[in-house]
PDB file of N, CA and C in Angstrom:
ATOM      1  N   MET A   1    -180.834 -42.021 170.250  1.00  0.00           N
ATOM      2  CA  MET A   1    -179.755 -41.683 169.354  1.00  0.00           C
ATOM      3  C   MET A   1    -179.406 -43.025 168.620  1.00  0.00           C
ATOM      4  N   ASN A   2    -179.396 -42.898 167.190  1.00  0.00           N
ATOM      5  CA  ASN A   2    -178.957 -44.210 166.470  1.00  0.00           C
ATOM      6  C   ASN A   2    -177.507 -44.208 166.451  1.00  0.00           C
ATOM      7  N   LYS A   3    -176.996 -45.329 165.969  1.00  0.00           N
ATOM      8  CA  LYS A   3    -175.505 -45.675 165.981  1.00  0.00           C
ATOM      9  C   LYS A   3    -174.664 -44.703 165.125  1.00  0.00           C
ATOM     10  N   VAL A   4    -175.198 -44.104 164.027  1.00  0.00           N
ATOM     11  CA  VAL A   4    -174.393 -43.221 163.301  1.00  0.00           C
ATOM     12  C   VAL A   4    -174.110 -42.081 163.967  1.00  0.00           C
ATOM     13  N   THR A   5    -175.156 -41.396 164.623  1.00  0.00           N
ATOM     14  CA  THR A   5    -174.956 -40.308 165.398  1.00  0.00           C
ATOM     15  C   THR A   5    -173.794 -40.458 166.353  1.00  0.00           C
ATOM     16  N   VAL A   6    -174.024 -41.495 167.366  1.00  0.00           N
ATOM     17  CA  VAL A   6    -173.098 -41.776 168.308  1.00  0.00           C
ATOM     18  C   VAL A   6    -171.592 -41.944 167.559  1.00  0.00           C
ATOM     19  N   TYR A   7    -171.446 -42.631 166.679  1.00  0.00           N
ATOM     20  CA  TYR A   7    -170.147 -42.783 165.982  1.00  0.00           C
ATOM     21  C   TYR A   7    -169.692 -41.385 165.497  1.00  0.00           C
ATOM     22  N   GLN A   8    -170.481 -40.704 164.807  1.00  0.00           N
ATOM     23  CA  GLN A   8    -170.209 -39.419 164.289  1.00  0.00           C
ATOM     24  C   GLN A   8    -169.687 -38.288 165.243  1.00  0.00           C
ATOM     25  N   PHE A   9    -170.491 -38.205 166.327  1.00  0.00           N
ATOM     26  CA  PHE A   9    -170.174 -37.097 167.280  1.00  0.00           C
ATOM     27  C   PHE A   9    -169.394 -37.528 168.332  1.00  0.00           C
ATOM     28  N   CYS A  10    -169.109 -38.694 168.800  1.00  0.00           N
ATOM     29  CA  CYS A  10    -168.394 -39.101 169.917  1.00  0.00           C
ATOM     30  C   CYS A  10    -167.071 -39.872 169.681  1.00  0.00           C
ATOM     31  N   ILE A  11    -167.206 -40.885 168.749  1.00  0.00           N
ATOM     32  CA  ILE A  11    -166.032 -41.716 168.556  1.00  0.00           C
ATOM     33  C   ILE A  11    -165.123 -41.211 167.426  1.00  0.00           C
ATOM     34  N   LEU A  12    -165.622 -40.589 166.588  1.00  0.00           N
ATOM     35  CA  LEU A  12    -164.810 -40.062 165.265  1.00  0.00           C
ATOM     36  C   LEU A  12    -164.009 -38.970 165.618  1.00  0.00           C
ATOM     37  N   PRO A  13    -164.378 -37.994 166.364  1.00  0.00           N
ATOM     38  CA  PRO A  13    -163.467 -36.850 166.753  1.00  0.00           C
ATOM     39  C   PRO A  13    -162.399 -37.314 167.739  1.00  0.00           C
ATOM     40  N   VAL A  14    -162.561 -38.127 168.658  1.00  0.00           N
ATOM     41  CA  VAL A  14    -161.645 -38.558 169.492  1.00  0.00           C
ATOM     42  C   VAL A  14    -160.684 -39.483 168.862  1.00  0.00           C
ATOM     43  N   LEU A  15    -161.050 -40.240 167.749  1.00  0.00           N
ATOM     44  CA  LEU A  15    -160.230 -41.011 167.053  1.00  0.00           C
ATOM     45  C   LEU A  15    -159.324 -40.147 166.068  1.00  0.00           C
ATOM     46  N   ILE A  16    -159.931 -39.118 165.693  1.00  0.00           N
ATOM     47  CA  ILE A  16    -159.133 -38.206 164.680  1.00  0.00           C
ATOM     48  C   ILE A  16    -157.995 -37.457 165.677  1.00  0.00           C
ATOM     49  N   CYS A  17    -158.382 -37.163 166.900  1.00  0.00           N
ATOM     50  CA  CYS A  17    -157.529 -36.379 167.746  1.00  0.00           C
ATOM     51  C   CYS A  17    -156.324 -37.320 168.168  1.00  0.00           C
ATOM     52  N   ALA A  18    -156.572 -38.531 168.404  1.00  0.00           N
ATOM     53  CA  ALA A  18    -155.705 -39.496 168.806  1.00  0.00           C
ATOM     54  C   ALA A  18    -154.675 -39.770 167.739  1.00  0.00           C
ATOM     55  N   VAL A  19    -154.987 -39.989 166.489  1.00  0.00           N
ATOM     56  CA  VAL A  19    -154.307 -40.143 165.414  1.00  0.00           C
ATOM     57  C   VAL A  19    -153.390 -39.043 164.936  1.00  0.00           C
ATOM     58  N   LEU A  20    -153.936 -37.928 165.027  1.00  0.00           N
ATOM     59  CA  LEU A  20    -153.042 -36.524 164.846  1.00  0.00           C
ATOM     60  C   LEU A  20    -151.975 -36.334 166.000  1.00  0.00           C
ATOM     61  N   TYR A  21    -152.529 -36.675 167.227  1.00  0.00           N
ATOM     62  CA  TYR A  21    -151.441 -36.557 168.245  1.00  0.00           C
ATOM     63  C   TYR A  21    -150.384 -37.588 168.204  1.00  0.00           C
ATOM     64  N   TYR A  22    -150.782 -39.064 167.842  1.00  0.00           N
ATOM     65  CA  TYR A  22    -149.745 -39.967 167.747  1.00  0.00           C
ATOM     66  C   TYR A  22    -148.723 -39.654 166.634  1.00  0.00           C
ATOM     67  N   CYS A  23    -149.242 -39.184 165.428  1.00  0.00           N
ATOM     68  CA  CYS A  23    -148.350 -38.911 164.306  1.00  0.00           C
ATOM     69  C   CYS A  23    -147.575 -37.602 164.601  1.00  0.00           C
ATOM     70  N   GLY A  24    -148.238 -36.609 165.307  1.00  0.00           N
ATOM     71  CA  GLY A  24    -147.372 -35.575 165.618  1.00  0.00           C
ATOM     72  C   GLY A  24    -146.289 -35.595 166.552  1.00  0.00           C
ATOM     73  N   VAL A  25    -146.363 -36.556 167.527  1.00  0.00           N
ATOM     74  CA  VAL A  25    -145.337 -36.809 168.494  1.00  0.00           C
ATOM     75  C   VAL A  25    -144.197 -37.295 167.776  1.00  0.00           C
ATOM     76  N   PHE A  26    -144.310 -38.227 166.843  1.00  0.00           N
ATOM     77  CA  PHE A  26    -143.252 -38.825 166.321  1.00  0.00           C
ATOM     78  C   PHE A  26    -142.480 -37.836 165.215  1.00  0.00           C
ATOM     79  N   LYS A  27    -143.472 -36.833 164.676  1.00  0.00           N
ATOM     80  CA  LYS A  27    -142.876 -35.769 163.853  1.00  0.00           C
ATOM     81  C   LYS A  27    -142.220 -34.835 164.764  1.00  0.00           C
ATOM     82  N   PHE A  28    -142.719 -34.550 165.952  1.00  0.00           N
ATOM     83  CA  PHE A  28    -141.785 -33.641 166.849  1.00  0.00           C
ATOM     84  C   PHE A  28    -140.519 -34.266 167.237  1.00  0.00           C
ATOM     85  N   GLU A  29    -140.373 -35.681 167.349  1.00  0.00           N
ATOM     86  CA  GLU A  29    -138.885 -36.126 167.636  1.00  0.00           C
ATOM     87  C   GLU A  29    -138.043 -36.055 166.608  1.00  0.00           C
ATOM     88  N   LYS A  30    -138.612 -35.959 165.289  1.00  0.00           N
ATOM     89  CA  LYS A  30    -137.616 -35.886 164.115  1.00  0.00           C
ATOM     90  C   LYS A  30    -137.256 -34.411 163.871  1.00  0.00           C
ATOM     91  N   CYS A  31    -138.061 -33.416 164.349  1.00  0.00           N
ATOM     92  CA  CYS A  31    -137.880 -31.959 163.961  1.00  0.00           C
ATOM     93  C   CYS A  31    -136.592 -31.522 164.854  1.00  0.00           C
ATOM     94  N   LYS A  32    -135.687 -31.058 164.276  1.00  0.00           N
ATOM     95  CA  LYS A  32    -134.484 -30.587 164.982  1.00  0.00           C
ATOM     96  C   LYS A  32    -134.568 -28.989 165.279  1.00  0.00           C
ATOM     97  N   SER A  33    -135.172 -28.366 164.558  1.00  0.00           N
ATOM     98  CA  SER A  33    -135.323 -26.920 164.997  1.00  0.00           C
ATOM     99  C   SER A  33    -136.809 -26.671 165.305  1.00  0.00           C
ATOM    100  N   PHE A  34    -137.265 -26.750 166.629  1.00  0.00           N
ATOM    101  CA  PHE A  34    -138.728 -26.839 166.798  1.00  0.00           C
ATOM    102  C   PHE A  34    -139.574 -25.681 166.394  1.00  0.00           C
ATOM    103  N   PRO A  35    -139.444 -24.479 166.604  1.00  0.00           N
ATOM    104  CA  PRO A  35    -140.376 -23.422 166.256  1.00  0.00           C
ATOM    105  C   PRO A  35    -140.413 -23.298 164.587  1.00  0.00           C
ATOM    106  N   SER A  36    -139.427 -23.398 163.917  1.00  0.00           N
ATOM    107  CA  SER A  36    -139.449 -23.270 162.599  1.00  0.00           C
ATOM    108  C   SER A  36    -140.133 -24.307 161.930  1.00  0.00           C
ATOM    109  N   CYS A  37    -140.035 -25.752 162.402  1.00  0.00           N
ATOM    110  CA  CYS A  37    -140.723 -26.746 161.652  1.00  0.00           C
ATOM    111  C   CYS A  37    -142.355 -26.823 161.842  1.00  0.00           C
ATOM    112  N   CYS A  38    -142.741 -26.037 162.841  1.00  0.00           N
ATOM    113  CA  CYS A  38    -144.285 -26.078 163.036  1.00  0.00           C
ATOM    114  C   CYS A  38    -145.144 -24.691 162.510  1.00  0.00           C
ATOM    115  N   TYR A  39    -144.394 -23.983 161.772  1.00  0.00           N
ATOM    116  CA  TYR A  39    -144.983 -22.893 161.228  1.00  0.00           C
ATOM    117  C   TYR A  39    -145.812 -22.909 159.988  1.00  0.00           C
ATOM    118  N   GLU A  40    -145.506 -24.016 159.271  1.00  0.00           N
ATOM    119  CA  GLU A  40    -146.339 -24.383 157.983  1.00  0.00           C
ATOM    120  C   GLU A  40    -147.621 -25.235 158.443  1.00  0.00           C
ATOM    121  N   SER A  41    -148.625 -24.924 157.893  1.00  0.00           N
ATOM    122  CA  SER A  41    -149.806 -25.736 158.208  1.00  0.00           C
ATOM    123  C   SER A  41    -149.894 -27.202 157.458  1.00  0.00           C
ATOM    124  N   ALA A  42    -148.983 -27.525 156.690  1.00  0.00           N
ATOM    125  CA  ALA A  42    -149.014 -28.780 156.102  1.00  0.00           C
ATOM    126  C   ALA A  42    -148.214 -29.794 157.051  1.00  0.00           C
ATOM    127  N   THR A  43    -147.597 -29.325 158.015  1.00  0.00           N
ATOM    128  CA  THR A  43    -146.856 -30.224 158.877  1.00  0.00           C
ATOM    129  C   THR A  43    -147.831 -30.680 159.908  1.00  0.00           C
ATOM    130  N   LEU A  44    -147.596 -31.966 160.426  1.00  0.00           N
ATOM    131  CA  LEU A  44    -148.493 -32.420 161.546  1.00  0.00           C
ATOM    132  C   LEU A  44    -148.230 -31.892 162.897  1.00  0.00           C
ATOM    133  N   CYS A  45    -146.988 -31.346 162.945  1.00  0.00           N
ATOM    134  CA  CYS A  45    -146.524 -30.664 164.341  1.00  0.00           C
ATOM    135  C   CYS A  45    -147.588 -29.487 164.560  1.00  0.00           C
ATOM    136  N   TYR A  46    -147.888 -28.782 163.471  1.00  0.00           N
ATOM    137  CA  TYR A  46    -148.850 -27.559 163.554  1.00  0.00           C
ATOM    138  C   TYR A  46    -150.238 -28.038 164.169  1.00  0.00           C
ATOM    139  N   TYR A  47    -150.762 -29.115 163.566  1.00  0.00           N
ATOM    140  CA  TYR A  47    -152.018 -29.602 164.071  1.00  0.00           C
ATOM    141  C   TYR A  47    -152.005 -30.111 165.575  1.00  0.00           C
ATOM    142  N   VAL A  48    -150.809 -30.711 165.888  1.00  0.00           N
ATOM    143  CA  VAL A  48    -150.639 -31.276 167.297  1.00  0.00           C
ATOM    144  C   VAL A  48    -150.555 -30.125 168.242  1.00  0.00           C
ATOM    145  N   LEU A  49    -150.227 -28.868 167.795  1.00  0.00           N
ATOM    146  CA  LEU A  49    -150.251 -27.736 168.757  1.00  0.00           C
ATOM    147  C   LEU A  49    -151.580 -27.204 168.764  1.00  0.00           C
ATOM    148  N   LEU A  50    -152.426 -27.408 167.778  1.00  0.00           N
ATOM    149  CA  LEU A  50    -153.743 -26.794 167.861  1.00  0.00           C
ATOM    150  C   LEU A  50    -154.601 -27.875 168.672  1.00  0.00           C
ATOM    151  N   LEU A  51    -154.364 -29.198 168.783  1.00  0.00           N
ATOM    152  CA  LEU A  51    -155.239 -29.828 169.576  1.00  0.00           C
ATOM    153  C   LEU A  51    -155.619 -29.489 171.087  1.00  0.00           C
ATOM    154  N   PRO A  52    -154.794 -28.903 171.768  1.00  0.00           N
ATOM    155  CA  PRO A  52    -155.175 -28.552 173.120  1.00  0.00           C
ATOM    156  C   PRO A  52    -156.271 -27.489 173.041  1.00  0.00           C
ATOM    157  N   MET A  53    -156.460 -26.756 171.975  1.00  0.00           N
ATOM    158  CA  MET A  53    -157.417 -25.834 172.070  1.00  0.00           C
ATOM    159  C   MET A  53    -158.726 -26.408 171.131  1.00  0.00           C
ATOM    160  N   LEU A  54    -158.500 -27.346 170.341  1.00  0.00           N
ATOM    161  CA  LEU A  54    -159.599 -27.985 169.467  1.00  0.00           C
ATOM    162  C   LEU A  54    -160.471 -28.848 170.356  1.00  0.00           C
ATOM    163  N   VAL A  55    -159.931 -29.607 171.156  1.00  0.00           N
ATOM    164  CA  VAL A  55    -160.687 -30.570 171.942  1.00  0.00           C
ATOM    165  C   VAL A  55    -161.526 -29.773 172.872  1.00  0.00           C
ATOM    166  N   PRO A  56    -161.240 -28.762 173.720  1.00  0.00           N
ATOM    167  CA  PRO A  56    -162.142 -27.987 174.608  1.00  0.00           C
ATOM    168  C   PRO A  56    -163.138 -27.249 173.694  1.00  0.00           C
ATOM    169  N   MET A  57    -162.833 -26.760 172.651  1.00  0.00           N
ATOM    170  CA  MET A  57    -163.788 -25.917 171.959  1.00  0.00           C
ATOM    171  C   MET A  57    -164.751 -26.829 171.229  1.00  0.00           C
ATOM    172  N   PHE A  58    -164.362 -27.996 170.933  1.00  0.00           N
ATOM    173  CA  PHE A  58    -165.334 -29.009 170.372  1.00  0.00           C
ATOM    174  C   PHE A  58    -166.321 -29.439 171.434  1.00  0.00           C
ATOM    175  N   LEU A  59    -165.957 -29.570 172.689  1.00  0.00           N
ATOM    176  CA  LEU A  59    -166.646 -29.974 173.663  1.00  0.00           C
ATOM    177  C   LEU A  59    -167.660 -28.814 174.114  1.00  0.00           C
ATOM    178  N   ILE A  60    -167.165 -27.520 174.173  1.00  0.00           N
ATOM    179  CA  ILE A  60    -168.048 -26.527 174.458  1.00  0.00           C
ATOM    180  C   ILE A  60    -169.021 -26.175 173.365  1.00  0.00           C
ATOM    181  N   PHE A  61    -168.761 -26.273 172.163  1.00  0.00           N
ATOM    182  CA  PHE A  61    -169.596 -26.178 171.083  1.00  0.00           C
ATOM    183  C   PHE A  61    -170.819 -27.280 170.970  1.00  0.00           C
ATOM    184  N   THR A  62    -170.343 -28.434 171.261  1.00  0.00           N
ATOM    185  CA  THR A  62    -171.286 -29.453 171.384  1.00  0.00           C
ATOM    186  C   THR A  62    -172.260 -29.288 172.555  1.00  0.00           C
ATOM    187  N   PHE A  63    -171.610 -28.927 173.687  1.00  0.00           N
ATOM    188  CA  PHE A  63    -172.650 -28.722 174.948  1.00  0.00           C
ATOM    189  C   PHE A  63    -173.658 -27.434 174.663  1.00  0.00           C
ATOM    190  N   PHE A  64    -173.107 -26.401 174.136  1.00  0.00           N
ATOM    191  CA  PHE A  64    -174.244 -25.346 173.758  1.00  0.00           C
ATOM    192  C   PHE A  64    -175.059 -25.694 172.573  1.00  0.00           C
ATOM    193  N   ASN A  65    -174.620 -26.412 171.591  1.00  0.00           N
ATOM    194  CA  ASN A  65    -175.454 -26.996 170.617  1.00  0.00           C
ATOM    195  C   ASN A  65    -176.728 -27.715 171.172  1.00  0.00           C
ATOM    196  N   TRP A  66    -176.224 -28.820 172.140  1.00  0.00           N
ATOM    197  CA  TRP A  66    -177.201 -29.628 172.809  1.00  0.00           C
ATOM    198  C   TRP A  66    -178.152 -28.774 173.559  1.00  0.00           C
ATOM    199  N   MET A  67    -177.465 -27.795 174.350  1.00  0.00           N
ATOM    200  CA  MET A  67    -178.474 -27.022 175.251  1.00  0.00           C
ATOM    201  C   MET A  67    -179.390 -26.115 174.537  1.00  0.00           C
ATOM    202  N   GLY A  68    -178.900 -25.514 173.361  1.00  0.00           N
ATOM    203  CA  GLY A  68    -179.939 -25.036 172.363  1.00  0.00           C
ATOM    204  C   GLY A  68    -181.024 -25.781 171.852  1.00  0.00           C
ATOM    205  N   LEU A  69    -180.672 -27.054 171.501  1.00  0.00           N
ATOM    206  CA  LEU A  69    -181.694 -27.746 171.106  1.00  0.00           C
ATOM    207  C   LEU A  69    -182.657 -28.146 172.293  1.00  0.00           C
ATOM    208  N   MET A  70    -182.205 -28.412 173.346  1.00  0.00           N
ATOM    209  CA  MET A  70    -183.035 -28.500 174.425  1.00  0.00           C
ATOM    210  C   MET A  70    -184.095 -27.472 174.720  1.00  0.00           C
ATOM    211  N   TYR A  71    -183.517 -26.269 174.673  1.00  0.00           N
ATOM    212  CA  TYR A  71    -184.389 -25.063 174.849  1.00  0.00           C
ATOM    213  C   TYR A  71    -185.397 -24.983 173.750  1.00  0.00           C
ATOM    214  N   PHE A  72    -185.071 -25.358 172.390  1.00  0.00           N
ATOM    215  CA  PHE A  72    -185.779 -25.038 171.334  1.00  0.00           C
ATOM    216  C   PHE A  72    -186.850 -26.086 171.541  1.00  0.00           C
ATOM    217  N   LYS A  73    -186.643 -27.407 171.978  1.00  0.00           N
ATOM    218  CA  LYS A  73    -187.630 -28.439 172.183  1.00  0.00           C
ATOM    219  C   LYS A  73    -188.635 -28.183 173.268  1.00  0.00           C
ATOM    220  N   HIS A  74    -188.259 -27.475 174.208  1.00  0.00           N
ATOM    221  CA  HIS A  74    -189.199 -27.326 175.489  1.00  0.00           C
ATOM    222  C   HIS A  74    -189.898 -26.040 175.297  1.00  0.00           C
ATOM    223  N   ASN A  75    -189.396 -25.160 174.419  1.00  0.00           N
ATOM    224  CA  ASN A  75    -190.272 -23.902 174.450  1.00  0.00           C
ATOM    225  C   ASN A  75    -191.142 -23.924 173.141  1.00  0.00           C
TER     226      ASN A  75
END
């Protein structure tokens, strides 16, 4: 695997998730009315609530993509 692929598929998604989570936590503290401030997709709070679903789905998709490539390569 070359360096661009490792950076693109391993480090970049983790970095994006960390930045969104870090920004969203501070946005969470400033929000006085919790549910109403997270309904709009323009707020970072909305994306912080999506992160717990996004990370496992990314890992599952990557695993099945890799597994499919292995089956295609060996058959």
